[in-house]
Amino acid sequence: MIVYLLKYWSGNEYELLKKKYLQELSERKRLYNEVIELKGNIRVFCRCRPLNQVEITNGSNYVVEFDSSQDNELQIISSDSSKKQFKFDHVFGPEDNQGDLMFYFMYCYCRHPVKDYVCN
């Protein structure tokens, strides 16, 4: 039924629905993560480092692809050009530096102890 309806929607309506879907997906993920944090579950992060100077000199390429709309997924490109998808709680790309990681971890883990603290 949904596929049938998508055929007849204009490009603007489709883009609007896609935008709303991505917003709802992000909100659902945020709420889910909050529930998981309150339960004390283990979180798994991935950090992909940038190529170093030796790798750049040798003409190496990245074997990891990132989708900018998904901050928790990455794809590994195998030697036979096939792609394998992996999901994490958060993926840090090669452009993220150590400060970005520390800020994210401090935000995730330090906000709950002080979240309900009231100062007079």
C-alpha atoms as a PDB file:
ATOM      1  CA  MET A   1       0.000   0.000   0.000  1.00  0.00           C
ATOM      2  CA  ILE A   2       2.768   2.446   0.949  1.00  0.00           C
ATOM      3  CA  VAL A   3       4.747   1.700  -2.212  1.00  0.00           C
ATOM      4  CA  TYR A   4       1.562   2.288  -4.223  1.00  0.00           C
ATOM      5  CA  LEU A   5       1.077   5.708  -2.593  1.00  0.00           C
ATOM      6  CA  LEU A   6       4.718   6.723  -3.055  1.00  0.00           C
ATOM      7  CA  LYS A   7       4.368   6.319  -6.824  1.00  0.00           C
ATOM      8  CA  TYR A   8       1.747   9.077  -6.946  1.00  0.00           C
ATOM      9  CA  TRP A   9       3.259  11.635  -4.578  1.00  0.00           C
ATOM     10  CA  SER A  10       5.137  14.535  -6.054  1.00  0.00           C
ATOM     11  CA  GLY A  11       8.852  14.997  -5.418  1.00  0.00           C
ATOM     12  CA  ASN A  12       8.209  17.703  -2.792  1.00  0.00           C
ATOM     13  CA  GLU A  13       5.791  15.529  -0.831  1.00  0.00           C
ATOM     14  CA  TYR A  14       8.218  12.615  -0.962  1.00  0.00           C
ATOM     15  CA  GLU A  15      11.125  14.787   0.255  1.00  0.00           C
ATOM     16  CA  LEU A  16       8.959  16.187   3.062  1.00  0.00           C
ATOM     17  CA  LEU A  17       7.960  12.688   4.189  1.00  0.00           C
ATOM     18  CA  LYS A  18      11.567  11.549   4.006  1.00  0.00           C
ATOM     19  CA  LYS A  19      12.681  14.519   6.130  1.00  0.00           C
ATOM     20  CA  LYS A  20       9.959  13.842   8.720  1.00  0.00           C
ATOM     21  CA  TYR A  21      10.864  10.165   8.783  1.00  0.00           C
ATOM     22  CA  LEU A  22      14.545  10.942   9.441  1.00  0.00           C
ATOM     23  CA  GLN A  23      13.568  13.387  12.208  1.00  0.00           C
ATOM     24  CA  GLU A  24      11.323  10.788  13.853  1.00  0.00           C
ATOM     25  CA  LEU A  25      14.037   8.161  13.491  1.00  0.00           C
ATOM     26  CA  SER A  26      16.505  10.477  15.216  1.00  0.00           C
ATOM     27  CA  GLU A  27      14.055  11.260  18.036  1.00  0.00           C
ATOM     28  CA  ARG A  28      13.273   7.565  18.505  1.00  0.00           C
ATOM     29  CA  LYS A  29      16.992   6.796  18.695  1.00  0.00           C
ATOM     30  CA  ARG A  30      17.516   9.587  21.244  1.00  0.00           C
ATOM     31  CA  LEU A  31      14.689   8.302  23.451  1.00  0.00           C
ATOM     32  CA  TYR A  32      15.864   4.707  23.123  1.00  0.00           C
ATOM     33  CA  ASN A  33      19.412   5.708  24.077  1.00  0.00           C
ATOM     34  CA  GLU A  34      18.099   7.569  27.102  1.00  0.00           C
ATOM     35  CA  VAL A  35      16.205   4.479  28.281  1.00  0.00           C
ATOM     36  CA  ILE A  36      19.290   2.319  27.729  1.00  0.00           C
ATOM     37  CA  GLU A  37      21.490   4.782  29.635  1.00  0.00           C
ATOM     38  CA  LEU A  38      19.103   4.788  32.556  1.00  0.00           C
ATOM     39  CA  LYS A  39      19.202   0.987  32.600  1.00  0.00           C
ATOM     40  CA  GLY A  40      23.009   1.055  32.588  1.00  0.00           C
ATOM     41  CA  ASN A  41      23.575  -0.918  29.393  1.00  0.00           C
ATOM     42  CA  ILE A  42      26.955  -1.248  27.685  1.00  0.00           C
ATOM     43  CA  ARG A  43      27.515   1.145  24.805  1.00  0.00           C
ATOM     44  CA  VAL A  44      29.830   0.433  21.863  1.00  0.00           C
ATOM     45  CA  PHE A  45      31.590   3.206  19.959  1.00  0.00           C
ATOM     46  CA  CYS A  46      33.750   3.082  16.857  1.00  0.00           C
ATOM     47  CA  ARG A  47      36.499   5.496  15.908  1.00  0.00           C
ATOM     48  CA  CYS A  48      38.006   5.420  12.431  1.00  0.00           C
ATOM     49  CA  ARG A  49      41.338   7.139  12.305  1.00  0.00           C
ATOM     50  CA  PRO A  50      42.509   9.214   9.346  1.00  0.00           C
ATOM     51  CA  LEU A  51      45.161   7.872   7.008  1.00  0.00           C
ATOM     52  CA  ASN A  52      48.686   8.552   8.272  1.00  0.00           C
ATOM     53  CA  GLN A  53      51.437  10.084   6.121  1.00  0.00           C
ATOM     54  CA  VAL A  54      52.944   6.711   5.160  1.00  0.00           C
ATOM     55  CA  GLU A  55      49.556   5.432   3.995  1.00  0.00           C
ATOM     56  CA  ILE A  56      48.941   8.600   1.980  1.00  0.00           C
ATOM     57  CA  THR A  57      52.403   8.353   0.394  1.00  0.00           C
ATOM     58  CA  ASN A  58      51.760   4.706  -0.546  1.00  0.00           C
ATOM     59  CA  GLY A  59      48.461   5.684  -2.207  1.00  0.00           C
ATOM     60  CA  SER A  60      46.235   3.816   0.234  1.00  0.00           C
ATOM     61  CA  ASN A  61      42.475   4.394   0.225  1.00  0.00           C
ATOM     62  CA  TYR A  62      39.913   4.310   2.995  1.00  0.00           C
ATOM     63  CA  VAL A  63      38.208   0.941   3.424  1.00  0.00           C
ATOM     64  CA  VAL A  64      35.408   2.503   5.453  1.00  0.00           C
ATOM     65  CA  GLU A  65      32.404   4.417   4.098  1.00  0.00           C
ATOM     66  CA  PHE A  66      30.188   6.703   6.171  1.00  0.00           C
ATOM     67  CA  ASP A  67      26.632   7.817   5.500  1.00  0.00           C
ATOM     68  CA  SER A  68      26.252  11.390   6.733  1.00  0.00           C
ATOM     69  CA  SER A  69      22.584  10.846   7.644  1.00  0.00           C
ATOM     70  CA  GLN A  70      23.431   7.888   9.919  1.00  0.00           C
ATOM     71  CA  ASP A  71      25.806   8.622  12.786  1.00  0.00           C
ATOM     72  CA  ASN A  72      25.757   5.035  14.024  1.00  0.00           C
ATOM     73  CA  GLU A  73      26.535   3.008  10.890  1.00  0.00           C
ATOM     74  CA  LEU A  74      29.537   2.353   8.712  1.00  0.00           C
ATOM     75  CA  GLN A  75      30.369   0.062   5.837  1.00  0.00           C
ATOM     76  CA  ILE A  76      33.613  -1.843   5.401  1.00  0.00           C
ATOM     77  CA  ILE A  77      34.739  -2.394   1.815  1.00  0.00           C
ATOM     78  CA  SER A  78      36.254  -5.862   1.422  1.00  0.00           C
ATOM     79  CA  SER A  79      39.039  -6.763  -1.000  1.00  0.00           C
ATOM     80  CA  ASP A  80      36.432  -8.158  -3.413  1.00  0.00           C
ATOM     81  CA  SER A  81      34.605  -4.747  -3.349  1.00  0.00           C
ATOM     82  CA  SER A  82      31.679  -6.142  -1.359  1.00  0.00           C
ATOM     83  CA  LYS A  83      30.404  -4.004   1.521  1.00  0.00           C
ATOM     84  CA  LYS A  84      29.569  -5.121   5.039  1.00  0.00           C
ATOM     85  CA  GLN A  85      27.475  -2.882   7.264  1.00  0.00           C
ATOM     86  CA  PHE A  86      28.073  -2.489  10.997  1.00  0.00           C
ATOM     87  CA  LYS A  87      26.048  -0.595  13.605  1.00  0.00           C
ATOM     88  CA  PHE A  88      27.376   1.026  16.765  1.00  0.00           C
ATOM     89  CA  ASP A  89      25.997   3.395  19.362  1.00  0.00           C
ATOM     90  CA  HIS A  90      28.049   6.135  17.704  1.00  0.00           C
ATOM     91  CA  VAL A  91      30.667   6.241  14.940  1.00  0.00           C
ATOM     92  CA  PHE A  92      33.446   8.813  14.930  1.00  0.00           C
ATOM     93  CA  GLY A  93      34.867   9.425  11.478  1.00  0.00           C
ATOM     94  CA  PRO A  94      38.402  10.345  10.448  1.00  0.00           C
ATOM     95  CA  GLU A  95      37.547  14.053  10.644  1.00  0.00           C
ATOM     96  CA  ASP A  96      36.714  13.812  14.366  1.00  0.00           C
ATOM     97  CA  ASN A  97      39.585  14.675  16.679  1.00  0.00           C
ATOM     98  CA  GLN A  98      40.318  13.614  20.242  1.00  0.00           C
ATOM     99  CA  GLY A  99      38.532  16.681  21.614  1.00  0.00           C
ATOM    100  CA  ASP A 100      35.323  15.681  19.811  1.00  0.00           C
ATOM    101  CA  LEU A 101      35.486  12.232  21.375  1.00  0.00           C
ATOM    102  CA  MET A 102      36.129  13.546  24.867  1.00  0.00           C
ATOM    103  CA  PHE A 103      33.312  16.082  24.572  1.00  0.00           C
ATOM    104  CA  TYR A 104      30.884  13.375  23.437  1.00  0.00           C
ATOM    105  CA  PHE A 105      31.862  11.005  26.262  1.00  0.00           C
ATOM    106  CA  MET A 106      31.696  13.761  28.868  1.00  0.00           C
ATOM    107  CA  TYR A 107      28.261  14.752  27.576  1.00  0.00           C
ATOM    108  CA  CYS A 108      26.992  11.156  27.624  1.00  0.00           C
ATOM    109  CA  TYR A 109      28.382  10.071  30.971  1.00  0.00           C
ATOM    110  CA  CYS A 110      28.538  13.194  33.070  1.00  0.00           C
ATOM    111  CA  ARG A 111      25.133  14.686  32.376  1.00  0.00           C
ATOM    112  CA  HIS A 112      23.176  12.127  34.402  1.00  0.00           C
ATOM    113  CA  PRO A 113      24.893  12.632  37.779  1.00  0.00           C
ATOM    114  CA  VAL A 114      24.354  16.404  37.594  1.00  0.00           C
ATOM    115  CA  LYS A 115      21.092  16.358  35.633  1.00  0.00           C
ATOM    116  CA  ASP A 116      18.832  16.578  38.711  1.00  0.00           C
ATOM    117  CA  TYR A 117      21.181  18.559  40.945  1.00  0.00           C
ATOM    118  CA  VAL A 118      19.584  21.788  42.196  1.00  0.00           C
ATOM    119  CA  CYS A 119      21.726  24.687  43.365  1.00  0.00           C
ATOM    120  CA  ASN A 120      20.517  27.332  45.844  1.00  0.00           C
END
